[in-house]
Amino acid sequence: MMRSSPKITRVQLKINQNNESVLVGIVSAEPDYKLSLAINKRLNISLKNSGPVIVSDEKGTGIAFSRFFHDASEKGSYELISNRVEKHFLLRKLKNIDYIFQIHHTVDDREADNIMSLLRDADSVTAVFKIDLKSLKDKNLHYLIQ
C-alpha cells in the first residue's frame, strides 16, 4: 500500500507593500491555538490557522512554524507566528521569544503601544517586546518581511 503525500495548500496573503510592518515578540508557555484565542479575545480580532512558514534547516529538512492570520482589509492584517518548533527557532537571535506577532499596516507609536498593552493583558502572555527591525539581523527575517 503506497502512502500518499499530505495535500499542501498555498495561501496568498494580501499585504500592502508600501506599509511597514511592526513586529512584536511574545513570551508564552501556551500552545499556539490557545494563545491565538486569547489574543482574539483581547484585540477583538479573528486569528485563524493559516499555512505555516516553512524553513529549511542545515540538513535541508523543512521545518514548519505555525501561523495564524487575520485580515481586517482596510484596517490591515495581523499574524501570529511560532518562533520555536522543538529545538529549532525561526529567528535564532530571538531565542527568548516564543511567538512573533506581526501588524501588517502602518501604525503610529501610540497605536503600537496600545496593541502591546492589550497583548500584555491577555491570558497566558508572560511578556511582550517590540522588535526593532533595523537592528535585527537574521537570515530567516525575509520569511516575515517581504
Protein backbone atom coordinates (compact mmCIF):
# COMPACT_ATOMS: atom_id res chain seq x y z
CA MET A 1 0.00 0.00 0.00
CA MET A 2 1.51 3.33 -1.05
CA ARG A 3 1.35 6.33 1.18
CA SER A 4 0.09 9.48 -0.43
CA SER A 5 1.79 12.72 0.48
CA PRO A 6 -0.22 15.20 2.51
CA LYS A 7 -2.01 17.85 0.49
CA ILE A 8 -0.19 21.18 0.58
CA THR A 9 -2.34 24.29 0.46
CA ARG A 10 -0.72 27.53 -0.64
CA VAL A 11 -2.13 30.66 0.91
CA GLN A 12 -1.53 34.02 -0.74
CA LEU A 13 -1.51 36.82 1.79
CA LYS A 14 -2.57 40.26 0.64
CA ILE A 15 0.00 42.66 2.03
CA ASN A 16 0.31 46.28 1.01
CA GLN A 17 3.99 46.62 0.13
CA ASN A 18 4.02 50.35 0.90
CA ASN A 19 3.19 49.91 4.56
CA GLU A 20 5.72 48.92 7.16
CA SER A 21 5.13 46.04 9.50
CA VAL A 22 5.51 46.16 13.23
CA LEU A 23 6.96 43.06 14.87
CA VAL A 24 6.16 42.22 18.47
CA GLY A 25 7.77 39.34 20.36
CA ILE A 26 5.55 37.38 22.76
CA VAL A 27 6.69 35.08 25.55
CA SER A 28 4.07 32.46 26.42
CA ALA A 29 4.16 28.84 27.53
CA GLU A 30 0.76 28.17 25.94
CA PRO A 31 0.33 26.26 22.67
CA ASP A 32 -0.26 28.41 19.58
CA TYR A 33 -4.01 27.76 19.30
CA LYS A 34 -4.66 28.77 22.94
CA LEU A 35 -2.56 31.92 22.56
CA SER A 36 -4.38 32.84 19.33
CA LEU A 37 -7.73 32.51 21.15
CA ALA A 38 -6.50 34.74 23.99
CA ILE A 39 -5.24 37.35 21.50
CA ASN A 40 -8.51 37.20 19.56
CA LYS A 41 -10.38 37.92 22.77
CA ARG A 42 -8.13 40.85 23.82
CA LEU A 43 -7.84 42.54 20.41
CA ASN A 44 -11.32 41.63 19.17
CA ILE A 45 -9.91 40.04 16.01
CA SER A 46 -10.20 36.60 14.45
CA LEU A 47 -6.80 34.95 14.01
CA LYS A 48 -7.27 31.69 12.11
CA ASN A 49 -4.82 28.88 11.44
CA SER A 50 -3.17 29.53 8.09
CA GLY A 51 -0.40 27.88 6.07
CA PRO A 52 2.79 27.51 8.12
CA VAL A 53 6.07 29.30 7.50
CA ILE A 54 8.36 26.55 6.19
CA VAL A 55 12.11 26.96 6.64
CA SER A 56 14.86 24.52 5.66
CA ASP A 57 17.42 23.67 8.33
CA GLU A 58 21.12 22.95 7.73
CA LYS A 59 20.32 19.43 6.52
CA GLY A 60 17.67 20.66 4.08
CA THR A 61 14.79 19.35 6.17
CA GLY A 62 11.68 21.54 6.10
CA ILE A 63 10.57 22.87 9.48
CA ALA A 64 7.01 24.19 9.74
CA PHE A 65 6.38 27.13 12.09
CA SER A 66 2.67 27.57 12.75
CA ARG A 67 0.96 30.73 11.54
CA PHE A 68 -2.37 32.31 12.42
CA PHE A 69 -3.69 35.13 10.25
CA HIS A 70 -6.41 37.81 10.48
CA ASP A 71 -7.25 40.14 7.60
CA ALA A 72 -9.14 43.29 8.52
CA SER A 73 -8.86 44.65 4.95
CA GLU A 74 -8.86 48.43 5.28
CA LYS A 75 -7.50 48.25 8.83
CA GLY A 76 -4.62 45.98 7.84
CA SER A 77 -3.88 42.46 8.98
CA TYR A 78 -2.30 40.57 11.86
CA GLU A 79 -0.19 37.43 12.04
CA LEU A 80 0.86 35.23 14.94
CA ILE A 81 3.84 33.05 14.02
CA SER A 82 5.55 30.48 16.22
CA ASN A 83 9.23 31.20 16.76
CA ARG A 84 10.01 27.74 18.18
CA VAL A 85 9.47 24.18 16.97
CA GLU A 86 11.14 21.67 19.26
CA LYS A 87 14.81 22.76 19.27
CA HIS A 88 14.53 24.94 16.14
CA PHE A 89 13.94 28.70 16.00
CA LEU A 90 12.56 30.80 13.17
CA LEU A 91 14.58 33.82 14.36
CA ARG A 92 17.60 32.37 16.19
CA LYS A 93 18.63 35.79 17.51
CA LEU A 94 15.37 35.88 19.49
CA LYS A 95 15.53 32.54 21.31
CA ASN A 96 13.80 34.00 24.37
CA ILE A 97 10.67 34.79 22.31
CA ASP A 98 8.09 32.06 21.72
CA TYR A 99 5.86 33.86 19.18
CA ILE A 100 6.08 36.75 16.76
CA PHE A 101 3.01 38.95 16.37
CA GLN A 102 3.13 40.97 13.18
CA ILE A 103 0.98 44.00 12.40
CA HIS A 104 0.80 44.50 8.63
CA HIS A 105 -0.29 48.09 8.47
CA THR A 106 1.35 51.30 9.43
CA VAL A 107 0.57 52.22 12.98
CA ASP A 108 1.89 55.13 14.93
CA ASP A 109 3.86 54.53 18.13
CA ARG A 110 0.82 55.22 20.29
CA GLU A 111 -1.33 52.63 18.49
CA ALA A 112 1.51 50.07 18.60
CA ASP A 113 1.93 50.70 22.35
CA ASN A 114 -1.81 50.28 22.83
CA ILE A 115 -1.80 46.93 20.99
CA MET A 116 1.23 45.80 23.01
CA SER A 117 -0.53 46.79 26.23
CA LEU A 118 -3.60 44.76 25.24
CA LEU A 119 -1.35 41.80 24.42
CA ARG A 120 0.35 42.04 27.84
CA ASP A 121 -3.08 41.79 29.48
CA ALA A 122 -4.05 38.67 27.51
CA ASP A 123 -4.33 35.44 29.46
CA SER A 124 -1.22 33.27 29.22
CA VAL A 125 1.08 36.05 27.95
CA THR A 126 4.19 36.37 30.11
CA ALA A 127 5.95 39.23 28.30
CA VAL A 128 5.67 41.41 25.18
CA PHE A 129 8.56 43.15 23.37
CA LYS A 130 8.69 45.43 20.34
CA ILE A 131 11.26 44.06 17.90
CA ASP A 132 13.48 46.64 16.23
CA LEU A 133 13.68 45.54 12.59
CA LYS A 134 16.61 47.84 11.82
CA SER A 135 18.89 46.24 14.42
CA LEU A 136 17.74 42.62 13.92
CA LYS A 137 20.00 40.66 11.60
CA ASP A 138 18.69 37.15 10.98
CA LYS A 139 18.78 35.11 7.78
CA ASN A 140 15.16 33.98 8.28
CA LEU A 141 13.81 37.52 8.65
CA HIS A 142 12.86 37.55 4.97
CA TYR A 143 10.17 34.93 5.73
CA LEU A 144 8.39 37.61 7.76
CA ILE A 145 9.18 40.84 5.92
CA GLN A 146 8.57 40.78 2.18
